[in-house]
């Protein structure tokens, strides 16, 4: 794998499930970071680096959840578990490294995983379409980000920004990357299910 994680493998079947999870974690981090920066560019305010990292985490939670839902439609429970676990740990490692540099050493990774489990349960109640994020999921993401950023005069409309623009863009982009990375594994899973 190159230094910049791919958003697709050059040759069909090139990346293993673990390799694909590592590449997806890198891409999820990049999307979460870009989405968090975009809120600032849209004149929403952060009061601290901790707040920025918490918003990045909220994006990562929803992206991991969407990956889990996509995998549940195409993979066996074992493959789904392997991929989602590796993706989650990869995202947690990216957060740990960055949070440690910014906030100092702490166990950011375990806190991330604990809150990811809470968010996964929360997001599981909403319907999911692998082509388009649904309103309930986006509203919940927006509400969670609103709670992190607060309801100051500047930030009071952040939930609308998440529901209508940033949330759908982030989820769509990540789902497309996942389909590219996992394309050969999904095709193989479909063949396996037909021959069983």
N, C-alpha and C. Protein backbone atom coordinates (compact mmCIF):
# COMPACT_ATOMS: atom_id res chain seq x y z
N UNK A 1 0.85 -1.17 0.00
CA UNK A 1 0.00 0.00 0.00
C UNK A 1 0.90 1.23 0.00
N UNK A 2 0.56 2.21 -0.80
CA UNK A 2 1.36 3.42 -0.86
C UNK A 2 1.16 4.25 0.40
N UNK A 3 2.02 5.27 0.55
CA UNK A 3 1.91 6.12 1.74
C UNK A 3 0.54 6.77 1.85
N UNK A 4 0.02 7.24 0.72
CA UNK A 4 -1.33 7.78 0.70
C UNK A 4 -2.27 6.60 0.44
N UNK A 5 -3.11 6.29 1.39
CA UNK A 5 -3.98 5.13 1.26
C UNK A 5 -4.87 5.28 0.03
N UNK A 6 -5.01 4.20 -0.72
CA UNK A 6 -5.81 4.30 -1.95
C UNK A 6 -7.29 4.43 -1.66
N UNK A 7 -8.02 4.94 -2.67
CA UNK A 7 -9.47 4.91 -2.56
C UNK A 7 -10.02 3.82 -3.49
N UNK A 8 -9.11 3.12 -4.14
CA UNK A 8 -9.45 1.94 -4.93
C UNK A 8 -8.16 1.17 -5.17
N UNK A 9 -8.26 -0.12 -5.39
CA UNK A 9 -7.07 -0.93 -5.67
C UNK A 9 -6.84 -0.95 -7.16
N UNK A 10 -5.58 -0.92 -7.55
CA UNK A 10 -5.22 -0.88 -8.97
C UNK A 10 -5.72 -2.11 -9.71
N UNK A 11 -5.54 -3.28 -9.11
CA UNK A 11 -5.96 -4.53 -9.72
C UNK A 11 -7.07 -5.16 -8.90
N UNK A 12 -8.11 -5.67 -9.56
CA UNK A 12 -9.18 -6.33 -8.80
C UNK A 12 -8.61 -7.43 -7.92
N UNK A 13 -9.06 -7.50 -6.69
CA UNK A 13 -8.60 -8.51 -5.77
C UNK A 13 -7.26 -8.21 -5.12
N UNK A 14 -6.71 -7.01 -5.37
CA UNK A 14 -5.38 -6.69 -4.85
C UNK A 14 -5.36 -6.55 -3.33
N UNK A 15 -6.27 -5.82 -2.76
CA UNK A 15 -6.24 -5.54 -1.33
C UNK A 15 -7.02 -6.57 -0.53
N UNK A 16 -6.40 -7.05 0.55
CA UNK A 16 -7.12 -7.96 1.45
C UNK A 16 -8.17 -7.15 2.22
N UNK A 17 -9.00 -7.86 2.95
CA UNK A 17 -10.01 -7.20 3.77
C UNK A 17 -9.34 -6.30 4.81
N UNK A 18 -8.24 -6.77 5.40
CA UNK A 18 -7.52 -5.98 6.40
C UNK A 18 -6.87 -4.75 5.75
N UNK A 19 -6.26 -4.94 4.57
CA UNK A 19 -5.68 -3.81 3.85
C UNK A 19 -6.75 -2.78 3.50
N UNK A 20 -7.89 -3.27 3.06
CA UNK A 20 -8.99 -2.36 2.70
C UNK A 20 -9.49 -1.59 3.91
N UNK A 21 -9.54 -2.26 5.06
CA UNK A 21 -9.97 -1.58 6.29
C UNK A 21 -8.98 -0.48 6.67
N UNK A 22 -7.68 -0.75 6.53
CA UNK A 22 -6.67 0.27 6.83
C UNK A 22 -6.78 1.46 5.90
N UNK A 23 -6.96 1.18 4.61
CA UNK A 23 -7.12 2.27 3.64
C UNK A 23 -8.40 3.06 3.92
N UNK A 24 -9.48 2.35 4.26
CA UNK A 24 -10.75 3.02 4.56
C UNK A 24 -10.64 3.89 5.80
N UNK A 25 -9.90 3.43 6.82
CA UNK A 25 -9.71 4.23 8.04
C UNK A 25 -8.99 5.53 7.71
N UNK A 26 -7.97 5.45 6.87
CA UNK A 26 -7.24 6.65 6.47
C UNK A 26 -8.16 7.62 5.74
N UNK A 27 -8.95 7.08 4.81
CA UNK A 27 -9.87 7.93 4.05
C UNK A 27 -10.97 8.50 4.94
N UNK A 28 -11.45 7.71 5.89
CA UNK A 28 -12.46 8.22 6.83
C UNK A 28 -11.90 9.39 7.63
N UNK A 29 -10.66 9.25 8.10
CA UNK A 29 -10.02 10.34 8.84
C UNK A 29 -9.94 11.59 7.96
N UNK A 30 -9.51 11.44 6.71
CA UNK A 30 -9.37 12.59 5.80
C UNK A 30 -10.73 13.26 5.56
N UNK A 31 -11.77 12.47 5.40
CA UNK A 31 -13.12 13.03 5.17
C UNK A 31 -13.61 13.74 6.42
N UNK A 32 -13.42 13.13 7.59
CA UNK A 32 -13.86 13.74 8.85
C UNK A 32 -13.12 15.06 9.09
N UNK A 33 -11.82 15.06 8.82
CA UNK A 33 -11.03 16.28 8.99
C UNK A 33 -11.50 17.37 8.03
N UNK A 34 -11.70 17.02 6.77
CA UNK A 34 -12.15 18.00 5.78
C UNK A 34 -13.54 18.55 6.13
N UNK A 35 -14.43 17.68 6.61
CA UNK A 35 -15.78 18.12 7.00
C UNK A 35 -15.72 19.07 8.19
N UNK A 36 -14.84 18.78 9.13
CA UNK A 36 -14.67 19.63 10.31
C UNK A 36 -14.11 21.00 9.91
N UNK A 37 -13.14 21.00 9.00
CA UNK A 37 -12.58 22.27 8.50
C UNK A 37 -13.63 23.06 7.74
N UNK A 38 -14.49 22.35 7.00
CA UNK A 38 -15.51 23.03 6.22
C UNK A 38 -16.48 23.80 7.11
N UNK A 39 -16.79 23.25 8.27
CA UNK A 39 -17.67 23.99 9.19
C UNK A 39 -17.06 25.34 9.56
N UNK A 40 -15.75 25.34 9.81
CA UNK A 40 -15.06 26.59 10.13
C UNK A 40 -15.11 27.55 8.94
N UNK A 41 -14.91 27.00 7.74
CA UNK A 41 -14.96 27.84 6.53
C UNK A 41 -16.35 28.41 6.29
N UNK A 42 -17.37 27.72 6.80
CA UNK A 42 -18.75 28.21 6.69
C UNK A 42 -19.12 29.13 7.86
N UNK A 43 -18.10 29.57 8.61
CA UNK A 43 -18.24 30.53 9.71
C UNK A 43 -18.86 29.98 10.99
N UNK A 44 -18.77 28.66 11.18
CA UNK A 44 -19.10 28.09 12.48
C UNK A 44 -17.81 28.10 13.29
N UNK A 45 -17.95 28.33 14.59
CA UNK A 45 -16.76 28.55 15.43
C UNK A 45 -16.47 27.39 16.36
N UNK A 46 -15.17 27.11 16.48
CA UNK A 46 -14.68 26.16 17.48
C UNK A 46 -14.02 26.97 18.59
N UNK A 47 -14.22 26.53 19.81
CA UNK A 47 -13.62 27.24 20.94
C UNK A 47 -12.32 26.60 21.40
N UNK A 48 -12.03 25.37 20.92
CA UNK A 48 -10.82 24.68 21.38
C UNK A 48 -10.45 23.57 20.40
N UNK A 49 -9.21 23.11 20.53
CA UNK A 49 -8.77 21.95 19.76
C UNK A 49 -9.53 20.70 20.17
N UNK A 50 -9.87 20.59 21.45
CA UNK A 50 -10.66 19.45 21.92
C UNK A 50 -12.00 19.39 21.19
N UNK A 51 -12.61 20.55 21.01
CA UNK A 51 -13.90 20.60 20.31
C UNK A 51 -13.75 20.14 18.86
N UNK A 52 -12.68 20.58 18.19
CA UNK A 52 -12.43 20.14 16.81
C UNK A 52 -12.28 18.62 16.74
N UNK A 53 -11.49 18.07 17.65
CA UNK A 53 -11.28 16.63 17.66
C UNK A 53 -12.58 15.87 17.96
N UNK A 54 -13.41 16.44 18.79
CA UNK A 54 -14.69 15.80 19.10
C UNK A 54 -15.61 15.80 17.87
N UNK A 55 -15.58 16.87 17.08
CA UNK A 55 -16.38 16.91 15.85
C UNK A 55 -15.83 15.90 14.84
N UNK A 56 -14.50 15.82 14.72
CA UNK A 56 -13.90 14.80 13.85
C UNK A 56 -14.38 13.42 14.29
N UNK A 57 -14.37 13.17 15.60
CA UNK A 57 -14.82 11.87 16.12
C UNK A 57 -16.27 11.60 15.73
N UNK A 58 -17.13 12.61 15.83
CA UNK A 58 -18.53 12.40 15.48
C UNK A 58 -18.68 11.99 14.02
N UNK A 59 -17.91 12.61 13.15
CA UNK A 59 -17.93 12.19 11.74
C UNK A 59 -17.42 10.77 11.59
N UNK A 60 -16.35 10.43 12.28
CA UNK A 60 -15.82 9.07 12.20
C UNK A 60 -16.85 8.05 12.68
N UNK A 61 -17.56 8.36 13.75
CA UNK A 61 -18.58 7.43 14.26
C UNK A 61 -19.61 7.11 13.19
N UNK A 62 -20.09 8.14 12.51
CA UNK A 62 -21.14 7.89 11.52
C UNK A 62 -20.58 7.17 10.30
N UNK A 63 -19.33 7.46 9.93
CA UNK A 63 -18.74 6.77 8.79
C UNK A 63 -18.50 5.29 9.10
N UNK A 64 -18.02 4.99 10.28
CA UNK A 64 -17.84 3.59 10.67
C UNK A 64 -19.19 2.88 10.69
N UNK A 65 -20.20 3.56 11.21
CA UNK A 65 -21.53 2.95 11.26
C UNK A 65 -22.04 2.65 9.84
N UNK A 66 -21.85 3.59 8.93
CA UNK A 66 -22.29 3.37 7.54
C UNK A 66 -21.53 2.20 6.91
N UNK A 67 -20.25 2.09 7.22
CA UNK A 67 -19.47 0.95 6.72
C UNK A 67 -20.05 -0.36 7.26
N UNK A 68 -20.40 -0.37 8.53
CA UNK A 68 -20.99 -1.56 9.13
C UNK A 68 -22.29 -1.93 8.44
N UNK A 69 -23.12 -0.95 8.17
CA UNK A 69 -24.40 -1.22 7.52
C UNK A 69 -24.19 -1.74 6.09
N UNK A 70 -23.23 -1.16 5.37
CA UNK A 70 -22.92 -1.63 4.03
C UNK A 70 -22.41 -3.08 4.07
N UNK A 71 -21.51 -3.35 4.98
CA UNK A 71 -20.95 -4.70 5.11
C UNK A 71 -22.02 -5.71 5.48
N UNK A 72 -22.99 -5.30 6.29
CA UNK A 72 -24.04 -6.23 6.70
C UNK A 72 -24.89 -6.68 5.52
N UNK A 73 -24.90 -5.89 4.46
CA UNK A 73 -25.68 -6.22 3.27
C UNK A 73 -24.94 -7.16 2.32
N UNK A 74 -23.60 -7.24 2.47
CA UNK A 74 -22.80 -7.97 1.48
C UNK A 74 -21.91 -9.07 2.05
N UNK A 75 -21.59 -9.02 3.33
CA UNK A 75 -20.61 -9.95 3.88
C UNK A 75 -21.22 -10.89 4.90
N UNK A 76 -20.54 -11.99 5.11
CA UNK A 76 -20.90 -12.90 6.19
C UNK A 76 -20.66 -12.17 7.51
N UNK A 77 -21.28 -12.61 8.60
CA UNK A 77 -21.03 -11.96 9.90
C UNK A 77 -19.55 -11.92 10.27
N UNK A 78 -18.79 -12.97 9.93
CA UNK A 78 -17.37 -13.00 10.28
C UNK A 78 -16.58 -11.94 9.51
N UNK A 79 -16.83 -11.86 8.19
CA UNK A 79 -16.12 -10.86 7.38
C UNK A 79 -16.52 -9.45 7.79
N UNK A 80 -17.80 -9.29 8.05
CA UNK A 80 -18.29 -7.97 8.50
C UNK A 80 -17.58 -7.57 9.79
N UNK A 81 -17.53 -8.48 10.74
CA UNK A 81 -16.89 -8.19 12.03
C UNK A 81 -15.42 -7.84 11.84
N UNK A 82 -14.72 -8.62 11.02
CA UNK A 82 -13.30 -8.37 10.77
C UNK A 82 -13.08 -6.99 10.18
N UNK A 83 -13.84 -6.67 9.15
CA UNK A 83 -13.65 -5.38 8.48
C UNK A 83 -13.97 -4.22 9.41
N UNK A 84 -15.13 -4.27 10.05
CA UNK A 84 -15.57 -3.15 10.88
C UNK A 84 -14.66 -2.99 12.10
N UNK A 85 -14.21 -4.08 12.67
CA UNK A 85 -13.29 -3.99 13.80
C UNK A 85 -11.97 -3.33 13.39
N UNK A 86 -11.42 -3.76 12.26
CA UNK A 86 -10.16 -3.17 11.77
C UNK A 86 -10.34 -1.70 11.39
N UNK A 87 -11.47 -1.37 10.77
CA UNK A 87 -11.77 0.02 10.43
C UNK A 87 -11.87 0.86 11.70
N UNK A 88 -12.58 0.37 12.70
CA UNK A 88 -12.76 1.11 13.95
C UNK A 88 -11.43 1.34 14.65
N UNK A 89 -10.62 0.28 14.72
CA UNK A 89 -9.31 0.42 15.38
C UNK A 89 -8.39 1.36 14.59
N UNK A 90 -8.49 1.31 13.26
CA UNK A 90 -7.70 2.23 12.44
C UNK A 90 -8.09 3.68 12.69
N UNK A 91 -9.38 3.95 12.74
CA UNK A 91 -9.86 5.31 13.04
C UNK A 91 -9.41 5.74 14.44
N UNK A 92 -9.50 4.81 15.39
CA UNK A 92 -9.08 5.12 16.77
C UNK A 92 -7.59 5.44 16.83
N UNK A 93 -6.78 4.72 16.05
CA UNK A 93 -5.33 5.00 16.03
C UNK A 93 -5.05 6.38 15.43
N UNK A 94 -5.76 6.75 14.36
CA UNK A 94 -5.58 8.09 13.78
C UNK A 94 -5.94 9.16 14.81
N UNK A 95 -7.05 8.94 15.51
CA UNK A 95 -7.45 9.91 16.54
C UNK A 95 -6.43 9.96 17.66
N UNK A 96 -5.97 8.81 18.13
CA UNK A 96 -5.00 8.76 19.23
C UNK A 96 -3.74 9.53 18.87
N UNK A 97 -3.22 9.28 17.67
CA UNK A 97 -1.99 9.95 17.25
C UNK A 97 -2.18 11.47 17.19
N UNK A 98 -3.25 11.91 16.58
CA UNK A 98 -3.48 13.35 16.43
C UNK A 98 -3.84 14.01 17.75
N UNK A 99 -4.68 13.37 18.54
CA UNK A 99 -5.06 13.94 19.83
C UNK A 99 -3.86 14.03 20.77
N UNK A 100 -3.00 13.02 20.73
CA UNK A 100 -1.81 13.05 21.58
C UNK A 100 -0.89 14.21 21.21
N UNK A 101 -0.75 14.47 19.90
CA UNK A 101 0.08 15.59 19.44
C UNK A 101 -0.52 16.93 19.87
N UNK A 102 -1.83 17.03 19.82
CA UNK A 102 -2.49 18.31 20.08
C UNK A 102 -2.78 18.52 21.56
N UNK A 103 -3.30 17.49 22.22
CA UNK A 103 -3.77 17.63 23.60
C UNK A 103 -2.83 17.01 24.64
N UNK A 104 -1.87 16.25 24.17
CA UNK A 104 -0.98 15.55 25.10
C UNK A 104 -1.39 14.10 25.25
N UNK A 105 -0.52 13.35 25.86
CA UNK A 105 -0.77 11.91 26.01
C UNK A 105 -1.96 11.66 26.91
N UNK A 106 -2.77 10.76 26.45
CA UNK A 106 -3.95 10.32 27.19
C UNK A 106 -4.45 9.09 26.46
N UNK A 107 -5.44 8.43 27.02
CA UNK A 107 -5.97 7.24 26.36
C UNK A 107 -7.16 7.63 25.49
N UNK A 108 -6.89 8.40 24.46
CA UNK A 108 -7.95 8.87 23.56
C UNK A 108 -8.58 7.70 22.80
N UNK A 109 -7.78 6.68 22.50
CA UNK A 109 -8.25 5.54 21.71
C UNK A 109 -9.40 4.81 22.41
N UNK A 110 -9.24 4.50 23.69
CA UNK A 110 -10.30 3.78 24.41
C UNK A 110 -11.55 4.63 24.57
N UNK A 111 -11.38 5.92 24.80
CA UNK A 111 -12.54 6.81 24.90
C UNK A 111 -13.28 6.86 23.57
N UNK A 112 -12.53 6.87 22.48
CA UNK A 112 -13.12 6.86 21.14
C UNK A 112 -13.95 5.59 20.94
N UNK A 113 -13.37 4.45 21.24
CA UNK A 113 -14.07 3.17 21.05
C UNK A 113 -15.32 3.09 21.92
N UNK A 114 -15.24 3.57 23.16
CA UNK A 114 -16.40 3.56 24.05
C UNK A 114 -17.55 4.38 23.47
N UNK A 115 -17.24 5.59 22.98
CA UNK A 115 -18.29 6.44 22.43
C UNK A 115 -18.76 5.92 21.07
N UNK A 116 -17.88 5.29 20.31
CA UNK A 116 -18.28 4.66 19.05
C UNK A 116 -19.36 3.61 19.31
N UNK A 117 -19.19 2.82 20.36
CA UNK A 117 -20.19 1.80 20.69
C UNK A 117 -21.54 2.43 21.05
N UNK A 118 -21.50 3.56 21.75
CA UNK A 118 -22.74 4.27 22.09
C UNK A 118 -23.42 4.78 20.81
N UNK A 119 -22.63 5.40 19.93
CA UNK A 119 -23.18 5.96 18.69
C UNK A 119 -23.71 4.85 17.77
N UNK A 120 -23.02 3.73 17.73
CA UNK A 120 -23.47 2.63 16.88
C UNK A 120 -24.86 2.17 17.30
N UNK A 121 -25.09 2.05 18.59
CA UNK A 121 -26.42 1.68 19.09
C UNK A 121 -27.44 2.75 18.73
N UNK A 122 -27.06 4.00 18.89
CA UNK A 122 -27.95 5.12 18.57
C UNK A 122 -28.32 5.12 17.08
N UNK A 123 -27.32 4.98 16.21
CA UNK A 123 -27.55 5.07 14.77
C UNK A 123 -28.26 3.84 14.21
N UNK A 124 -28.20 2.72 14.93
CA UNK A 124 -28.82 1.48 14.45
C UNK A 124 -30.34 1.60 14.34
N UNK A 125 -30.94 2.55 15.03
CA UNK A 125 -32.40 2.68 14.99
C UNK A 125 -32.91 3.33 13.71
N UNK A 126 -32.01 3.89 12.90
CA UNK A 126 -32.42 4.58 11.69
C UNK A 126 -32.27 3.69 10.46
N UNK A 127 -33.19 3.89 9.50
CA UNK A 127 -33.07 3.12 8.27
C UNK A 127 -31.82 3.57 7.51
N UNK A 128 -31.35 2.69 6.65
CA UNK A 128 -30.10 2.95 5.94
C UNK A 128 -30.26 2.57 4.49
N UNK A 129 -29.82 3.43 3.61
CA UNK A 129 -29.80 3.18 2.18
C UNK A 129 -28.35 3.28 1.76
N UNK A 130 -27.82 2.23 1.14
CA UNK A 130 -26.40 2.24 0.83
C UNK A 130 -26.03 3.27 -0.25
N UNK A 131 -27.00 3.88 -0.88
CA UNK A 131 -26.71 4.89 -1.89
C UNK A 131 -26.86 6.31 -1.38
N UNK A 132 -27.63 6.48 -0.31
CA UNK A 132 -27.97 7.83 0.15
C UNK A 132 -28.20 7.83 1.66
N UNK A 133 -27.53 8.71 2.40
CA UNK A 133 -27.80 8.78 3.85
C UNK A 133 -29.23 9.25 4.11
N UNK A 134 -29.88 8.62 5.06
CA UNK A 134 -31.27 8.96 5.39
C UNK A 134 -31.34 10.10 6.40
N UNK A 135 -32.50 10.77 6.42
CA UNK A 135 -32.67 11.97 7.25
C UNK A 135 -32.45 11.70 8.73
N UNK A 136 -33.01 10.62 9.26
CA UNK A 136 -32.89 10.34 10.70
C UNK A 136 -31.44 10.22 11.14
N UNK A 137 -30.65 9.53 10.34
CA UNK A 137 -29.23 9.37 10.64
C UNK A 137 -28.50 10.71 10.59
N UNK A 138 -28.81 11.51 9.57
CA UNK A 138 -28.17 12.82 9.43
C UNK A 138 -28.58 13.77 10.55
N UNK A 139 -29.85 13.71 10.94
CA UNK A 139 -30.31 14.57 12.02
C UNK A 139 -29.62 14.20 13.33
N UNK A 140 -29.46 12.91 13.57
CA UNK A 140 -28.79 12.47 14.79
C UNK A 140 -27.33 12.92 14.77
N UNK A 141 -26.65 12.78 13.63
CA UNK A 141 -25.28 13.27 13.50
C UNK A 141 -25.23 14.77 13.77
N UNK A 142 -26.15 15.52 13.15
CA UNK A 142 -26.19 16.97 13.35
C UNK A 142 -26.42 17.35 14.80
N UNK A 143 -27.31 16.63 15.46
CA UNK A 143 -27.58 16.89 16.87
C UNK A 143 -26.34 16.64 17.72
N UNK A 144 -25.63 15.54 17.43
CA UNK A 144 -24.42 15.24 18.20
C UNK A 144 -23.33 16.30 17.98
N UNK A 145 -23.19 16.77 16.76
CA UNK A 145 -22.20 17.83 16.50
C UNK A 145 -22.65 19.14 17.13
N UNK A 146 -23.95 19.42 17.08
CA UNK A 146 -24.47 20.63 17.73
C UNK A 146 -24.15 20.61 19.23
N UNK A 147 -24.29 19.46 19.86
CA UNK A 147 -23.99 19.36 21.29
C UNK A 147 -22.51 19.62 21.57
N UNK A 148 -21.65 19.17 20.66
CA UNK A 148 -20.21 19.41 20.83
C UNK A 148 -19.90 20.89 20.66
N UNK A 149 -20.49 21.53 19.65
CA UNK A 149 -20.13 22.90 19.30
C UNK A 149 -20.90 23.96 20.09
N UNK A 150 -22.01 23.56 20.68
CA UNK A 150 -22.81 24.52 21.45
C UNK A 150 -23.78 25.28 20.56
N UNK A 151 -24.65 26.05 21.20
CA UNK A 151 -25.70 26.75 20.47
C UNK A 151 -25.53 28.26 20.56
N UNK A 152 -24.28 28.70 20.40
CA UNK A 152 -24.05 30.14 20.36
C UNK A 152 -24.76 30.73 19.14
N UNK A 153 -24.82 32.04 19.08
CA UNK A 153 -25.45 32.70 17.93
C UNK A 153 -24.82 32.23 16.62
N UNK A 154 -23.52 32.03 16.63
CA UNK A 154 -22.81 31.60 15.43
C UNK A 154 -23.10 30.15 15.09
N UNK A 155 -23.18 29.28 16.10
CA UNK A 155 -23.28 27.84 15.85
C UNK A 155 -24.70 27.29 15.89
N UNK A 156 -25.68 28.13 16.13
CA UNK A 156 -27.03 27.61 16.34
C UNK A 156 -27.63 26.91 15.13
N UNK A 157 -27.09 27.19 13.92
CA UNK A 157 -27.63 26.58 12.71
C UNK A 157 -26.74 25.44 12.18
N UNK A 158 -25.78 25.02 12.96
CA UNK A 158 -24.85 24.00 12.49
C UNK A 158 -25.56 22.70 12.14
N UNK A 159 -26.63 22.38 12.86
CA UNK A 159 -27.36 21.15 12.59
C UNK A 159 -27.92 21.16 11.16
N UNK A 160 -28.39 22.32 10.70
CA UNK A 160 -28.91 22.41 9.33
C UNK A 160 -27.81 22.19 8.31
N UNK A 161 -26.63 22.74 8.58
CA UNK A 161 -25.49 22.55 7.70
C UNK A 161 -25.13 21.07 7.60
N UNK A 162 -25.18 20.36 8.72
CA UNK A 162 -24.84 18.94 8.74
C UNK A 162 -25.89 18.13 7.98
N UNK A 163 -27.16 18.41 8.22
CA UNK A 163 -28.24 17.63 7.59
C UNK A 163 -28.29 17.84 6.08
N UNK A 164 -28.13 19.08 5.65
CA UNK A 164 -28.36 19.38 4.23
C UNK A 164 -27.11 19.32 3.36
N UNK A 165 -25.93 19.56 3.93
CA UNK A 165 -24.73 19.64 3.09
C UNK A 165 -23.62 18.70 3.54
N UNK A 166 -23.02 18.99 4.69
CA UNK A 166 -21.79 18.31 5.08
C UNK A 166 -21.98 16.83 5.39
N UNK A 167 -23.05 16.48 6.09
CA UNK A 167 -23.29 15.08 6.41
C UNK A 167 -23.50 14.22 5.18
N UNK A 168 -24.45 14.61 4.29
CA UNK A 168 -24.64 13.81 3.08
C UNK A 168 -23.38 13.71 2.22
N UNK A 169 -22.65 14.81 2.09
CA UNK A 169 -21.43 14.79 1.28
C UNK A 169 -20.40 13.81 1.86
N UNK A 170 -20.21 13.86 3.17
CA UNK A 170 -19.22 12.98 3.81
C UNK A 170 -19.61 11.52 3.67
N UNK A 171 -20.87 11.21 3.93
CA UNK A 171 -21.32 9.81 3.87
C UNK A 171 -21.26 9.29 2.44
N UNK A 172 -21.75 10.06 1.48
CA UNK A 172 -21.72 9.62 0.07
C UNK A 172 -20.30 9.36 -0.40
N UNK A 173 -19.40 10.29 -0.09
CA UNK A 173 -18.01 10.13 -0.50
C UNK A 173 -17.41 8.86 0.10
N UNK A 174 -17.65 8.65 1.39
CA UNK A 174 -17.07 7.48 2.06
C UNK A 174 -17.67 6.19 1.52
N UNK A 175 -18.98 6.15 1.29
CA UNK A 175 -19.60 4.93 0.75
C UNK A 175 -19.05 4.61 -0.63
N UNK A 176 -18.81 5.63 -1.45
CA UNK A 176 -18.22 5.39 -2.78
C UNK A 176 -16.81 4.83 -2.66
N UNK A 177 -16.04 5.38 -1.74
CA UNK A 177 -14.68 4.86 -1.51
C UNK A 177 -14.74 3.41 -1.04
N UNK A 178 -15.64 3.12 -0.11
CA UNK A 178 -15.79 1.73 0.37
C UNK A 178 -16.14 0.78 -0.76
N UNK A 179 -17.06 1.18 -1.61
CA UNK A 179 -17.46 0.30 -2.71
C UNK A 179 -16.29 0.06 -3.65
N UNK A 180 -15.46 1.08 -3.87
CA UNK A 180 -14.28 0.90 -4.70
C UNK A 180 -13.27 -0.03 -4.03
N UNK A 181 -13.01 0.19 -2.74
CA UNK A 181 -12.04 -0.63 -2.03
C UNK A 181 -12.50 -2.07 -1.86
N UNK A 182 -13.78 -2.25 -1.63
CA UNK A 182 -14.32 -3.58 -1.32
C UNK A 182 -14.98 -4.27 -2.51
N UNK A 183 -14.89 -3.65 -3.68
CA UNK A 183 -15.59 -4.18 -4.86
C UNK A 183 -15.35 -5.65 -5.11
N UNK A 184 -14.09 -6.08 -5.12
CA UNK A 184 -13.81 -7.48 -5.42
C UNK A 184 -14.30 -8.40 -4.30
N UNK A 185 -14.21 -7.94 -3.03
CA UNK A 185 -14.70 -8.77 -1.93
C UNK A 185 -16.23 -8.90 -1.97
N UNK A 186 -16.91 -7.80 -2.35
CA UNK A 186 -18.37 -7.84 -2.45
C UNK A 186 -18.78 -8.79 -3.57
N UNK A 187 -18.10 -8.71 -4.72
CA UNK A 187 -18.42 -9.61 -5.83
C UNK A 187 -18.21 -11.06 -5.44
N UNK A 188 -17.11 -11.32 -4.73
CA UNK A 188 -16.83 -12.69 -4.29
C UNK A 188 -17.89 -13.17 -3.30
N UNK A 189 -18.30 -12.29 -2.38
CA UNK A 189 -19.33 -12.65 -1.41
C UNK A 189 -20.64 -12.98 -2.12
N UNK A 190 -20.98 -12.22 -3.17
CA UNK A 190 -22.20 -12.50 -3.93
C UNK A 190 -22.10 -13.84 -4.64
N UNK A 191 -20.93 -14.15 -5.23
CA UNK A 191 -20.73 -15.45 -5.88
C UNK A 191 -20.85 -16.57 -4.87
N UNK A 192 -20.23 -16.39 -3.70
CA UNK A 192 -20.29 -17.42 -2.67
C UNK A 192 -21.71 -17.68 -2.21
N UNK A 193 -22.51 -16.62 -2.09
CA UNK A 193 -23.89 -16.80 -1.62
C UNK A 193 -24.74 -17.50 -2.67
N UNK A 194 -24.42 -17.35 -3.95
CA UNK A 194 -25.17 -18.00 -5.02
C UNK A 194 -24.85 -19.50 -5.06
N UNK A 195 -23.57 -19.85 -4.82
CA UNK A 195 -23.16 -21.24 -4.91
C UNK A 195 -23.49 -22.05 -3.66
N UNK A 196 -23.86 -21.39 -2.56
CA UNK A 196 -24.18 -22.14 -1.33
C UNK A 196 -25.53 -22.80 -1.42
